[in-house]
Amino acid sequence: GELGIDAGGLRKECLQLVLRQLYERTTLFVELEECPGLFWFRPSTNFWSKGYIAEDAPSELELYSVEWVDHLPEVAGAIVGLAAYNGIYLDLRLHPLIYRFLIQRTISATFDDLRAVHPTLHRSLASLRTAADIRTLGLSWKVSLPGADEELDLSGGTAGSSEAFIESSADAERFSSAYAEAAVIGAMRPQIEGFMKTAVACMAVGRAFSLCTAHDLELLLCGLPNIACFKDMERSCKYANGFTAASPTIRLFWQVVHGMSEVMKRKLLLFCTGCDRVPILGLKALDFVIARSSAASDHLPTANTCVNQLNLPEYETLEVMRNRVYASLEHHSGYGFA
């Protein structure tokens, strides 16, 4: 709720905070059981079942449409598109198949795609294709997918009677392909289409976009998946306001940093740059700056995320440096008026 002047840093934090709220306070996404940490769109239009009261959310400072609460897929797409356009990395936990949809600008899923999203279901359907006598299984073309209220006719209406069964290997192949399409996309199609249409529009992509692969787009939006070597960040770091690489305070700082866990290193990146993702070219591409702060040693470090700058008071001992730095990293959200 605080005011701020945006030179890039606030834009980054705004998009990241809104995306986090979509994960935590709505049911737009669901975590895939067999792909921990990866999310897919939920086959539902009720996105507000986590106790969120939409009418109480907007403040007098916000300009908004009262209809936005019904268009969360489009909101998520706008966040992703604006992030790509502005070169902002996101903690985007969507399954990689979504990036292929964005590149191809079409939504379709094959039987092989099912393996990447629901591997156990893929194995079960694959066994049908090799069954010795499919007729003995008594499989109907009408199935009930998980979370669905009604039965779905996978024959597309060509099976005729509601009691029609799968009777040949050709039927089994067509059935498994249709089942895969329904399981991966099916009732989620409206959400995926809304997300994709808005994301591509906000990216304002040109002809060069056609040269990207799905993996390229994932790197563009999310950066490198693993935390990089912070020695690269130290070697490329620049110093200001009287600090040099040989300053005692700087030596203490890097000693603390190199002793951090991966979680704390990501918090350091988030605190200093507004994003916990590693750039495609590595940490050496951050143009990281450490400037001497005139604040007393009982003050915490501050950061200018717009220019990737850490403002560090002259702490004299390793213990004080560690305590002050860790305290600042645990309170990294929000921004003040500058």
Protein backbone atom coordinates (compact mmCIF):
# COMPACT_ATOMS: atom_id res chain seq x y z
CA GLY A 1 0.00 0.00 0.00
CA GLU A 2 3.01 2.31 -0.01
CA LEU A 3 3.82 4.78 -2.79
CA GLY A 4 6.88 4.48 -5.01
CA ILE A 5 8.51 5.94 -8.08
CA ASP A 6 9.01 3.25 -10.70
CA ALA A 7 12.33 3.06 -12.49
CA GLY A 8 11.96 -0.66 -13.13
CA GLY A 9 12.19 -2.20 -9.68
CA LEU A 10 8.60 -1.57 -8.61
CA ARG A 11 7.33 -2.98 -11.88
CA LYS A 12 9.18 -6.22 -11.18
CA GLU A 13 7.91 -6.52 -7.65
CA CYS A 14 4.34 -5.67 -8.64
CA LEU A 15 4.13 -8.47 -11.23
CA GLN A 16 5.76 -10.97 -8.88
CA LEU A 17 3.46 -10.12 -5.96
CA VAL A 18 0.31 -10.38 -8.09
CA LEU A 19 1.47 -13.75 -9.46
CA ARG A 20 2.11 -14.95 -5.90
CA GLN A 21 -1.44 -13.96 -4.93
CA LEU A 22 -2.80 -15.98 -7.85
CA TYR A 23 -0.96 -19.03 -6.51
CA GLU A 24 -1.87 -18.54 -2.86
CA ARG A 25 -5.32 -16.94 -2.79
CA THR A 26 -7.13 -18.32 -5.82
CA THR A 27 -7.81 -21.76 -7.25
CA LEU A 28 -6.90 -20.80 -10.81
CA PHE A 29 -4.00 -23.28 -10.76
CA VAL A 30 -3.67 -26.79 -9.40
CA GLU A 31 -0.40 -28.59 -8.65
CA LEU A 32 0.09 -31.72 -10.74
CA GLU A 33 0.25 -34.79 -8.50
CA GLU A 34 2.97 -36.52 -10.52
CA CYS A 35 4.94 -33.34 -11.30
CA PRO A 36 5.60 -31.73 -7.90
CA GLY A 37 6.16 -27.99 -8.13
CA LEU A 38 4.48 -27.68 -11.54
CA PHE A 39 0.99 -26.25 -11.98
CA TRP A 40 -1.81 -26.65 -14.49
CA PHE A 41 -5.08 -24.82 -14.96
CA ARG A 42 -7.98 -26.06 -12.86
CA PRO A 43 -11.15 -27.13 -14.75
CA SER A 44 -13.36 -24.66 -12.89
CA THR A 45 -14.68 -21.12 -13.14
CA ASN A 46 -14.92 -20.64 -9.36
CA PHE A 47 -11.50 -19.20 -8.62
CA TRP A 48 -12.35 -17.71 -5.23
CA SER A 49 -12.85 -20.70 -2.94
CA LYS A 50 -9.97 -19.83 -0.59
CA GLY A 51 -11.84 -17.34 1.55
CA TYR A 52 -11.01 -14.31 -0.61
CA ILE A 53 -13.73 -11.62 -0.72
CA ALA A 54 -13.24 -9.73 -3.97
CA GLU A 55 -15.35 -6.74 -2.95
CA ASP A 56 -13.05 -5.95 -0.01
CA ALA A 57 -9.80 -6.05 -1.99
CA PRO A 58 -9.54 -2.84 -4.10
CA SER A 59 -8.51 0.33 -2.28
CA GLU A 60 -9.32 3.91 -3.20
CA LEU A 61 -5.90 4.23 -4.84
CA GLU A 62 -6.60 1.46 -7.37
CA LEU A 63 -8.17 1.82 -10.80
CA TYR A 64 -9.89 -1.41 -11.74
CA SER A 65 -12.83 -2.96 -13.55
CA VAL A 66 -15.36 -4.72 -11.36
CA GLU A 67 -15.34 -7.58 -13.87
CA TRP A 68 -11.66 -8.48 -13.34
CA VAL A 69 -12.53 -11.08 -10.69
CA ASP A 70 -14.17 -13.19 -13.42
CA HIS A 71 -11.16 -13.04 -15.74
CA LEU A 72 -8.27 -14.44 -13.73
CA PRO A 73 -6.86 -16.48 -16.67
CA GLU A 74 -6.57 -13.24 -18.62
CA VAL A 75 -4.99 -11.50 -15.59
CA ALA A 76 -2.38 -14.28 -15.36
CA GLY A 77 -1.76 -14.01 -19.10
CA ALA A 78 -1.26 -10.26 -18.84
CA ILE A 79 1.31 -10.73 -16.06
CA VAL A 80 3.28 -13.22 -18.15
CA GLY A 81 3.07 -11.11 -21.31
CA LEU A 82 4.13 -7.90 -19.57
CA ALA A 83 7.01 -9.71 -17.86
CA ALA A 84 8.30 -11.00 -21.20
CA TYR A 85 7.92 -7.56 -22.81
CA ASN A 86 9.78 -5.81 -19.97
CA GLY A 87 12.48 -8.46 -19.51
CA ILE A 88 11.31 -9.44 -16.02
CA TYR A 89 11.89 -12.94 -14.66
CA LEU A 90 8.99 -14.61 -12.88
CA ASP A 91 8.54 -17.52 -10.49
CA LEU A 92 6.33 -19.11 -13.12
CA ARG A 93 5.52 -22.67 -12.08
CA LEU A 94 3.44 -23.71 -15.09
CA HIS A 95 4.11 -26.98 -16.85
CA PRO A 96 6.51 -26.57 -19.84
CA LEU A 97 3.71 -27.64 -22.20
CA ILE A 98 2.18 -24.18 -21.70
CA TYR A 99 5.24 -22.57 -23.33
CA ARG A 100 4.69 -24.69 -26.42
CA PHE A 101 1.10 -23.44 -26.61
CA LEU A 102 2.36 -19.85 -26.43
CA ILE A 103 4.95 -20.40 -29.16
CA GLN A 104 2.59 -22.25 -31.52
CA ARG A 105 -0.40 -20.07 -30.55
CA THR A 106 -2.56 -23.18 -30.72
CA ILE A 107 -3.84 -25.48 -27.98
CA SER A 108 -3.61 -29.18 -28.73
CA ALA A 109 -2.32 -32.23 -26.93
CA THR A 110 -1.16 -35.55 -28.31
CA PHE A 111 -1.00 -38.94 -26.66
CA ASP A 112 2.73 -38.41 -26.05
CA ASP A 113 1.98 -35.09 -24.28
CA LEU A 114 -0.04 -37.01 -21.72
CA ARG A 115 3.15 -38.77 -20.58
CA ALA A 116 4.64 -35.43 -19.51
CA VAL A 117 1.57 -34.36 -17.51
CA HIS A 118 0.00 -37.61 -16.26
CA PRO A 119 2.57 -40.42 -16.70
CA THR A 120 0.57 -43.07 -14.83
CA LEU A 121 -2.53 -42.45 -16.93
CA HIS A 122 -0.35 -42.56 -20.05
CA ARG A 123 0.98 -46.00 -19.10
CA SER A 124 -2.54 -47.31 -18.51
CA LEU A 125 -3.81 -46.08 -21.86
CA ALA A 126 -0.69 -47.35 -23.62
CA SER A 127 -1.46 -50.83 -22.32
CA LEU A 128 -4.85 -50.66 -24.02
CA ARG A 129 -3.19 -50.20 -27.38
CA THR A 130 -1.30 -53.47 -26.96
CA ALA A 131 -4.14 -55.51 -25.43
CA ALA A 132 -4.56 -58.92 -27.06
CA ASP A 133 -8.37 -58.68 -27.24
CA ILE A 134 -9.72 -55.24 -26.41
CA ARG A 135 -13.32 -56.46 -26.54
CA THR A 136 -12.91 -58.49 -23.36
CA LEU A 137 -12.32 -55.31 -21.36
CA GLY A 138 -15.84 -53.99 -22.07
CA LEU A 139 -14.71 -50.36 -22.43
CA SER A 140 -17.34 -47.78 -23.30
CA TRP A 141 -16.72 -44.63 -25.32
CA LYS A 142 -18.36 -42.65 -22.52
CA VAL A 143 -16.06 -41.90 -19.57
CA SER A 144 -16.06 -39.78 -16.43
CA LEU A 145 -12.93 -37.68 -16.12
CA PRO A 146 -11.65 -36.69 -12.65
CA GLY A 147 -13.46 -33.57 -11.45
CA ALA A 148 -16.12 -33.73 -14.18
CA ASP A 149 -19.84 -33.67 -13.38
CA GLU A 150 -20.97 -35.39 -16.57
CA GLU A 151 -19.84 -38.25 -18.74
CA LEU A 152 -17.87 -37.39 -21.86
CA ASP A 153 -18.37 -39.16 -25.18
CA LEU A 154 -14.85 -39.67 -26.55
CA SER A 155 -16.16 -40.97 -29.85
CA GLY A 156 -17.27 -37.51 -30.86
CA GLY A 157 -20.76 -38.84 -31.48
CA THR A 158 -19.67 -41.42 -34.05
CA ALA A 159 -20.16 -44.44 -31.78
CA GLY A 160 -23.92 -44.29 -32.12
CA SER A 161 -25.57 -46.06 -29.17
CA SER A 162 -24.74 -44.97 -25.64
CA GLU A 163 -23.93 -48.62 -25.01
CA ALA A 164 -21.30 -48.75 -27.79
CA PHE A 165 -18.04 -50.40 -26.79
CA ILE A 166 -14.47 -50.32 -28.03
CA GLU A 167 -14.05 -53.38 -30.23
CA SER A 168 -10.80 -53.08 -32.20
CA SER A 169 -7.20 -51.94 -31.91
CA ALA A 170 -8.06 -48.97 -34.12
CA ASP A 171 -10.83 -48.04 -31.67
CA ALA A 172 -8.37 -48.38 -28.78
CA GLU A 173 -5.89 -46.02 -30.42
CA ARG A 174 -8.58 -43.46 -31.17
CA PHE A 175 -9.97 -43.81 -27.63
CA SER A 176 -6.58 -43.31 -25.96
CA SER A 177 -5.78 -40.26 -28.11
CA ALA A 178 -9.16 -38.69 -27.35
CA TYR A 179 -8.76 -39.48 -23.64
CA ALA A 180 -5.32 -37.83 -23.63
CA GLU A 181 -6.70 -34.68 -25.27
CA ALA A 182 -9.56 -34.53 -22.75
CA ALA A 183 -7.31 -35.15 -19.72
CA VAL A 184 -4.70 -32.54 -20.67
CA ILE A 185 -6.96 -29.85 -22.14
CA GLY A 186 -10.65 -30.78 -22.00
CA ALA A 187 -12.53 -28.58 -19.53
CA MET A 188 -9.42 -26.40 -19.05
CA ARG A 189 -9.53 -25.10 -22.63
CA PRO A 190 -11.38 -21.80 -21.84
CA GLN A 191 -8.86 -20.96 -19.10
CA ILE A 192 -5.85 -21.85 -21.27
CA GLU A 193 -7.24 -19.92 -24.25
CA GLY A 194 -7.89 -16.80 -22.14
CA PHE A 195 -4.42 -17.00 -20.64
CA MET A 196 -2.68 -17.57 -23.97
CA LYS A 197 -4.55 -14.90 -25.93
CA THR A 198 -3.79 -12.17 -23.37
CA ALA A 199 -0.18 -13.26 -22.85
CA VAL A 200 0.66 -13.16 -26.57
CA ALA A 201 -1.10 -9.79 -26.96
CA CYS A 202 0.85 -8.24 -24.06
CA MET A 203 4.15 -9.61 -25.34
CA ALA A 204 3.66 -7.52 -28.51
CA VAL A 205 5.76 -10.12 -30.32
CA GLY A 206 7.32 -9.56 -33.75
CA ARG A 207 8.67 -11.88 -36.41
CA ALA A 208 11.65 -12.92 -34.28
CA PHE A 209 9.24 -14.64 -31.89
CA SER A 210 8.76 -17.41 -34.44
CA LEU A 211 12.45 -18.30 -34.04
CA CYS A 212 11.99 -19.13 -30.34
CA THR A 213 11.44 -22.63 -29.04
CA ALA A 214 9.32 -23.45 -26.02
CA HIS A 215 12.52 -23.85 -23.99
CA ASP A 216 13.75 -20.43 -25.17
CA LEU A 217 10.53 -18.83 -23.97
CA GLU A 218 10.79 -20.58 -20.61
CA LEU A 219 14.31 -19.19 -20.14
CA LEU A 220 13.13 -15.74 -21.24
CA LEU A 221 10.36 -15.75 -18.62
CA CYS A 222 11.97 -17.70 -15.77
CA GLY A 223 15.74 -17.38 -16.17
CA LEU A 224 18.05 -20.27 -15.32
CA PRO A 225 16.45 -22.98 -13.13
CA ASN A 226 19.42 -23.45 -10.77
CA ILE A 227 21.21 -20.95 -8.58
CA ALA A 228 24.53 -19.98 -10.15
CA CYS A 229 27.99 -19.53 -8.69
CA PHE A 230 28.07 -16.36 -6.59
CA LYS A 231 31.80 -16.09 -7.27
CA ASP A 232 30.78 -14.78 -10.72
CA MET A 233 28.63 -12.16 -9.04
CA GLU A 234 31.53 -11.15 -6.78
CA ARG A 235 34.00 -10.89 -9.68
CA SER A 236 31.67 -8.69 -11.75
CA CYS A 237 30.46 -6.55 -8.82
CA LYS A 238 31.04 -2.79 -8.92
CA TYR A 239 31.49 -0.57 -5.88
CA ALA A 240 30.43 3.00 -5.13
CA ASN A 241 30.54 5.75 -2.47
CA GLY A 242 34.01 4.83 -1.24
CA PHE A 243 33.81 1.04 -1.22
CA THR A 244 36.35 -1.10 -3.10
CA ALA A 245 36.81 -4.85 -3.42
CA ALA A 246 39.47 -4.62 -0.67
CA SER A 247 37.30 -2.77 1.85
CA PRO A 248 36.93 -4.70 5.15
CA THR A 249 33.13 -4.37 5.03
CA ILE A 250 33.03 -5.80 1.51
CA ARG A 251 35.19 -8.78 2.49
CA LEU A 252 32.87 -9.51 5.42
CA PHE A 253 29.84 -9.25 3.15
CA TRP A 254 31.10 -11.78 0.60
CA GLN A 255 32.16 -14.11 3.41
CA VAL A 256 28.57 -14.09 4.65
CA VAL A 257 27.15 -14.56 1.14
CA HIS A 258 29.30 -17.56 0.25
CA GLY A 259 28.18 -19.25 3.47
CA MET A 260 24.48 -18.89 2.65
CA SER A 261 22.11 -21.71 1.71
CA GLU A 262 20.48 -21.70 -1.72
CA VAL A 263 17.25 -20.37 -0.18
CA MET A 264 19.03 -17.40 1.39
CA LYS A 265 20.98 -16.70 -1.79
CA ARG A 266 17.70 -16.47 -3.68
CA LYS A 267 16.39 -14.10 -1.01
CA LEU A 268 19.51 -11.99 -1.49
CA LEU A 269 18.85 -11.79 -5.22
CA LEU A 270 15.23 -10.90 -4.54
CA PHE A 271 16.21 -8.20 -2.05
CA CYS A 272 18.84 -6.59 -4.30
CA THR A 273 17.30 -7.00 -7.76
CA GLY A 274 13.58 -7.52 -7.17
CA CYS A 275 13.76 -11.06 -8.58
CA ASP A 276 15.15 -14.35 -7.23
CA ARG A 277 15.81 -15.79 -10.70
CA VAL A 278 19.23 -16.05 -12.32
CA PRO A 279 19.61 -14.27 -15.69
CA ILE A 280 20.15 -16.39 -18.82
CA LEU A 281 23.77 -15.19 -19.02
CA GLY A 282 24.41 -15.91 -15.36
CA LEU A 283 24.99 -13.69 -12.33
CA LYS A 284 27.79 -11.81 -14.08
CA ALA A 285 25.10 -10.17 -16.23
CA LEU A 286 23.38 -8.52 -13.24
CA ASP A 287 25.64 -5.42 -13.11
CA PHE A 288 25.45 -5.71 -9.34
CA VAL A 289 26.58 -2.67 -7.32
CA ILE A 290 27.40 -2.35 -3.62
CA ALA A 291 27.40 1.23 -2.35
CA ARG A 292 28.51 2.49 1.05
CA SER A 293 25.57 3.70 3.09
CA SER A 294 25.91 6.63 5.48
CA ALA A 295 23.49 4.96 7.90
CA ALA A 296 24.77 3.88 11.31
CA SER A 297 25.75 0.27 11.90
CA ASP A 298 22.55 -0.39 13.86
CA HIS A 299 20.57 0.11 10.63
CA LEU A 300 19.76 -2.63 8.12
CA PRO A 301 20.99 -2.63 4.50
CA THR A 302 18.68 -1.20 1.85
CA ALA A 303 18.47 -1.79 -1.89
CA ASN A 304 17.63 0.04 -5.10
CA THR A 305 16.16 -2.81 -7.14
CA CYS A 306 15.82 -0.61 -10.23
CA VAL A 307 19.62 -0.56 -10.63
CA ASN A 308 20.51 -3.78 -8.74
CA GLN A 309 22.26 -1.83 -5.98
CA LEU A 310 22.80 -2.83 -2.35
CA ASN A 311 23.37 0.01 0.11
CA LEU A 312 25.53 -1.38 2.90
CA PRO A 313 26.45 0.35 6.18
CA GLU A 314 30.02 -0.17 7.40
CA TYR A 315 29.57 -3.15 9.71
CA GLU A 316 32.75 -3.95 11.57
CA THR A 317 32.36 -7.61 12.57
CA LEU A 318 31.28 -10.79 10.83
CA GLU A 319 28.54 -11.44 13.38
CA VAL A 320 26.99 -8.00 12.96
CA MET A 321 27.22 -8.31 9.15
CA ARG A 322 25.47 -11.69 9.19
CA ASN A 323 22.75 -10.58 11.59
CA ARG A 324 21.97 -7.36 9.72
CA VAL A 325 22.01 -8.95 6.26
CA TYR A 326 19.86 -11.92 7.28
CA ALA A 327 17.37 -9.62 9.02
CA SER A 328 16.99 -7.53 5.87
CA LEU A 329 16.47 -10.62 3.70
CA GLU A 330 13.64 -11.85 5.91
CA HIS A 331 11.76 -8.56 5.37
CA HIS A 332 12.15 -8.12 1.62
CA SER A 333 8.56 -7.47 0.45
CA GLY A 334 7.14 -4.03 -0.20
CA TYR A 335 8.72 -0.70 -1.03
CA GLY A 336 8.80 2.82 0.31
CA PHE A 337 8.34 6.15 -1.44
CA ALA A 338 11.62 7.35 -2.97
